[in-house]
C-alpha atoms as a PDB file:
ATOM      1  CA  UNK A   1     -61.890 -17.739 -29.493  1.00  0.00           C
ATOM      2  CA  UNK A   2     -58.153 -17.531 -30.396  1.00  0.00           C
ATOM      3  CA  UNK A   3     -56.402 -14.401 -32.105  1.00  0.00           C
ATOM      4  CA  UNK A   4     -52.879 -13.315 -32.784  1.00  0.00           C
ATOM      5  CA  UNK A   5     -51.768 -10.574 -30.476  1.00  0.00           C
ATOM      6  CA  UNK A   6     -50.325  -8.819 -33.960  1.00  0.00           C
ATOM      7  CA  UNK A   7     -53.817  -8.774 -34.907  1.00  0.00           C
ATOM      8  CA  UNK A   8     -55.093  -6.268 -31.792  1.00  0.00           C
ATOM      9  CA  UNK A   9     -52.399  -3.897 -31.401  1.00  0.00           C
ATOM     10  CA  UNK A  10     -53.336  -1.029 -33.712  1.00  0.00           C
ATOM     11  CA  UNK A  11     -57.887  -1.739 -32.937  1.00  0.00           C
ATOM     12  CA  UNK A  12     -60.188   1.420 -32.210  1.00  0.00           C
ATOM     13  CA  UNK A  13     -61.079   0.725 -29.031  1.00  0.00           C
ATOM     14  CA  UNK A  14     -64.043   2.667 -28.275  1.00  0.00           C
ATOM     15  CA  UNK A  15     -66.228   2.839 -24.643  1.00  0.00           C
ATOM     16  CA  UNK A  16     -69.756   1.542 -23.381  1.00  0.00           C
ATOM     17  CA  UNK A  17     -71.373   4.170 -25.684  1.00  0.00           C
ATOM     18  CA  UNK A  18     -69.404   4.392 -28.777  1.00  0.00           C
ATOM     19  CA  UNK A  19     -67.067   6.513 -28.802  1.00  0.00           C
ATOM     20  CA  UNK A  20     -63.325   6.512 -30.369  1.00  0.00           C
ATOM     21  CA  UNK A  21     -61.116   6.661 -27.015  1.00  0.00           C
ATOM     22  CA  UNK A  22     -58.309   5.741 -29.127  1.00  0.00           C
ATOM     23  CA  UNK A  23     -56.190   2.607 -30.464  1.00  0.00           C
ATOM     24  CA  UNK A  24     -54.292  -1.111 -28.845  1.00  0.00           C
ATOM     25  CA  UNK A  25     -50.972   0.075 -28.227  1.00  0.00           C
ATOM     26  CA  UNK A  26     -48.793  -3.221 -26.916  1.00  0.00           C
ATOM     27  CA  UNK A  27     -50.381  -6.263 -25.049  1.00  0.00           C
ATOM     28  CA  UNK A  28     -49.234  -6.901 -21.549  1.00  0.00           C
ATOM     29  CA  UNK A  29     -48.823 -10.662 -20.738  1.00  0.00           C
ATOM     30  CA  UNK A  30     -49.383 -12.344 -17.329  1.00  0.00           C
ATOM     31  CA  UNK A  31     -45.902 -13.969 -17.376  1.00  0.00           C
ATOM     32  CA  UNK A  32     -47.690 -16.883 -14.716  1.00  0.00           C
ATOM     33  CA  UNK A  33     -50.957 -18.083 -16.333  1.00  0.00           C
ATOM     34  CA  UNK A  34     -49.943 -16.413 -19.189  1.00  0.00           C
ATOM     35  CA  UNK A  35     -53.042 -14.330 -19.422  1.00  0.00           C
ATOM     36  CA  UNK A  36     -53.183 -11.581 -21.338  1.00  0.00           C
ATOM     37  CA  UNK A  37     -53.739  -9.046 -18.005  1.00  0.00           C
ATOM     38  CA  UNK A  38     -54.365  -5.445 -19.345  1.00  0.00           C
ATOM     39  CA  UNK A  39     -53.535  -3.634 -22.987  1.00  0.00           C
ATOM     40  CA  UNK A  40     -51.878   0.122 -23.818  1.00  0.00           C
ATOM     41  CA  UNK A  41     -54.786   3.084 -24.622  1.00  0.00           C
ATOM     42  CA  UNK A  42     -53.100   4.925 -26.897  1.00  0.00           C
ATOM     43  CA  UNK A  43     -55.504   8.106 -26.417  1.00  0.00           C
ATOM     44  CA  UNK A  44     -56.648  10.354 -29.481  1.00  0.00           C
ATOM     45  CA  UNK A  45     -56.582  14.018 -29.330  1.00  0.00           C
ATOM     46  CA  UNK A  46     -60.100  14.373 -28.185  1.00  0.00           C
ATOM     47  CA  UNK A  47     -60.252  11.748 -25.303  1.00  0.00           C
ATOM     48  CA  UNK A  48     -57.285  13.269 -23.648  1.00  0.00           C
ATOM     49  CA  UNK A  49     -58.309  15.957 -23.661  1.00  0.00           C
ATOM     50  CA  UNK A  50     -60.925  15.550 -21.663  1.00  0.00           C
ATOM     51  CA  UNK A  51     -59.477  13.625 -19.838  1.00  0.00           C
ATOM     52  CA  UNK A  52     -57.699  16.617 -18.658  1.00  0.00           C
ATOM     53  CA  UNK A  53     -54.186  15.025 -19.956  1.00  0.00           C
ATOM     54  CA  UNK A  54     -52.078  16.410 -22.733  1.00  0.00           C
ATOM     55  CA  UNK A  55     -51.744  14.763 -25.280  1.00  0.00           C
ATOM     56  CA  UNK A  56     -49.443  15.782 -28.580  1.00  0.00           C
ATOM     57  CA  UNK A  57     -47.987  13.986 -31.998  1.00  0.00           C
ATOM     58  CA  UNK A  58     -44.687  13.472 -30.313  1.00  0.00           C
ATOM     59  CA  UNK A  59     -45.785  12.500 -26.172  1.00  0.00           C
ATOM     60  CA  UNK A  60     -49.250  10.166 -27.489  1.00  0.00           C
ATOM     61  CA  UNK A  61     -50.335   9.101 -23.766  1.00  0.00           C
ATOM     62  CA  UNK A  62     -51.934   6.256 -23.096  1.00  0.00           C
ATOM     63  CA  UNK A  63     -53.823   4.096 -20.156  1.00  0.00           C
ATOM     64  CA  UNK A  64     -52.903   0.761 -18.075  1.00  0.00           C
ATOM     65  CA  UNK A  65     -56.182  -0.243 -19.003  1.00  0.00           C
ATOM     66  CA  UNK A  66     -57.537  -4.084 -17.197  1.00  0.00           C
ATOM     67  CA  UNK A  67     -58.956  -6.746 -19.519  1.00  0.00           C
ATOM     68  CA  UNK A  68     -61.578  -7.415 -17.565  1.00  0.00           C
ATOM     69  CA  UNK A  69     -63.056  -3.795 -18.478  1.00  0.00           C
ATOM     70  CA  UNK A  70     -62.921  -4.650 -21.781  1.00  0.00           C
ATOM     71  CA  UNK A  71     -67.038  -5.469 -22.840  1.00  0.00           C
ATOM     72  CA  UNK A  72     -66.275  -7.486 -26.666  1.00  0.00           C
ATOM     73  CA  UNK A  73     -63.083  -8.272 -28.817  1.00  0.00           C
ATOM     74  CA  UNK A  74     -63.847  -8.265 -32.701  1.00  0.00           C
ATOM     75  CA  UNK A  75     -63.072  -5.489 -34.985  1.00  0.00           C
ATOM     76  CA  UNK A  76     -63.186  -2.847 -32.088  1.00  0.00           C
ATOM     77  CA  UNK A  77     -62.297  -3.265 -28.254  1.00  0.00           C
ATOM     78  CA  UNK A  78     -65.356  -2.287 -26.879  1.00  0.00           C
ATOM     79  CA  UNK A  79     -65.303  -1.376 -22.658  1.00  0.00           C
ATOM     80  CA  UNK A  80     -67.803  -1.826 -20.171  1.00  0.00           C
ATOM     81  CA  UNK A  81     -66.958   1.557 -19.644  1.00  0.00           C
ATOM     82  CA  UNK A  82     -67.555   5.133 -20.058  1.00  0.00           C
ATOM     83  CA  UNK A  83     -64.726   7.333 -20.429  1.00  0.00           C
ATOM     84  CA  UNK A  84     -65.095   9.126 -17.048  1.00  0.00           C
ATOM     85  CA  UNK A  85     -64.798   5.256 -15.489  1.00  0.00           C
ATOM     86  CA  UNK A  86     -60.983   5.338 -16.635  1.00  0.00           C
ATOM     87  CA  UNK A  87     -60.181   9.020 -14.850  1.00  0.00           C
ATOM     88  CA  UNK A  88     -58.171   6.852 -12.228  1.00  0.00           C
ATOM     89  CA  UNK A  89     -56.012   5.540 -14.814  1.00  0.00           C
ATOM     90  CA  UNK A  90     -54.512   9.077 -15.797  1.00  0.00           C
ATOM     91  CA  UNK A  91     -51.122   9.503 -15.984  1.00  0.00           C
ATOM     92  CA  UNK A  92     -51.490  12.162 -13.064  1.00  0.00           C
ATOM     93  CA  UNK A  93     -47.407  14.043 -14.691  1.00  0.00           C
ATOM     94  CA  UNK A  94     -49.410  14.913 -17.457  1.00  0.00           C
ATOM     95  CA  UNK A  95     -51.917  18.155 -16.270  1.00  0.00           C
ATOM     96  CA  UNK A  96     -53.105  19.456 -19.197  1.00  0.00           C
ATOM     97  CA  UNK A  97     -52.767  23.752 -18.950  1.00  0.00           C
ATOM     98  CA  UNK A  98     -56.398  25.172 -17.932  1.00  0.00           C
ATOM     99  CA  UNK A  99     -56.911  27.503 -21.414  1.00  0.00           C
ATOM    100  CA  UNK A 100     -56.720  23.857 -23.509  1.00  0.00           C
ATOM    101  CA  UNK A 101     -59.677  22.343 -20.744  1.00  0.00           C
ATOM    102  CA  UNK A 102     -61.833  25.649 -22.131  1.00  0.00           C
ATOM    103  CA  UNK A 103     -62.599  24.892 -26.327  1.00  0.00           C
END
């Protein structure tokens, strides 16, 4: 099955438990094989907070998710991992204040 890249951008991304993590940003293409190697996951506020990453309207945190973690793709992208499994992909330069984690 083939799908146009512009139809993937903006789709919801869910983890294996069905939790909505965010949406697809841009796609990263390997220029040697012309295969999509990863995609940008634009995190929702709650998912970012649960990962310990700062979130704002002006700077939505993103993760670079390898396509090997994609289990299915149709109206939404379903990952074969939970949110906690994506923790190593989180940007280390955006810690959340401790008070925000208490909510």
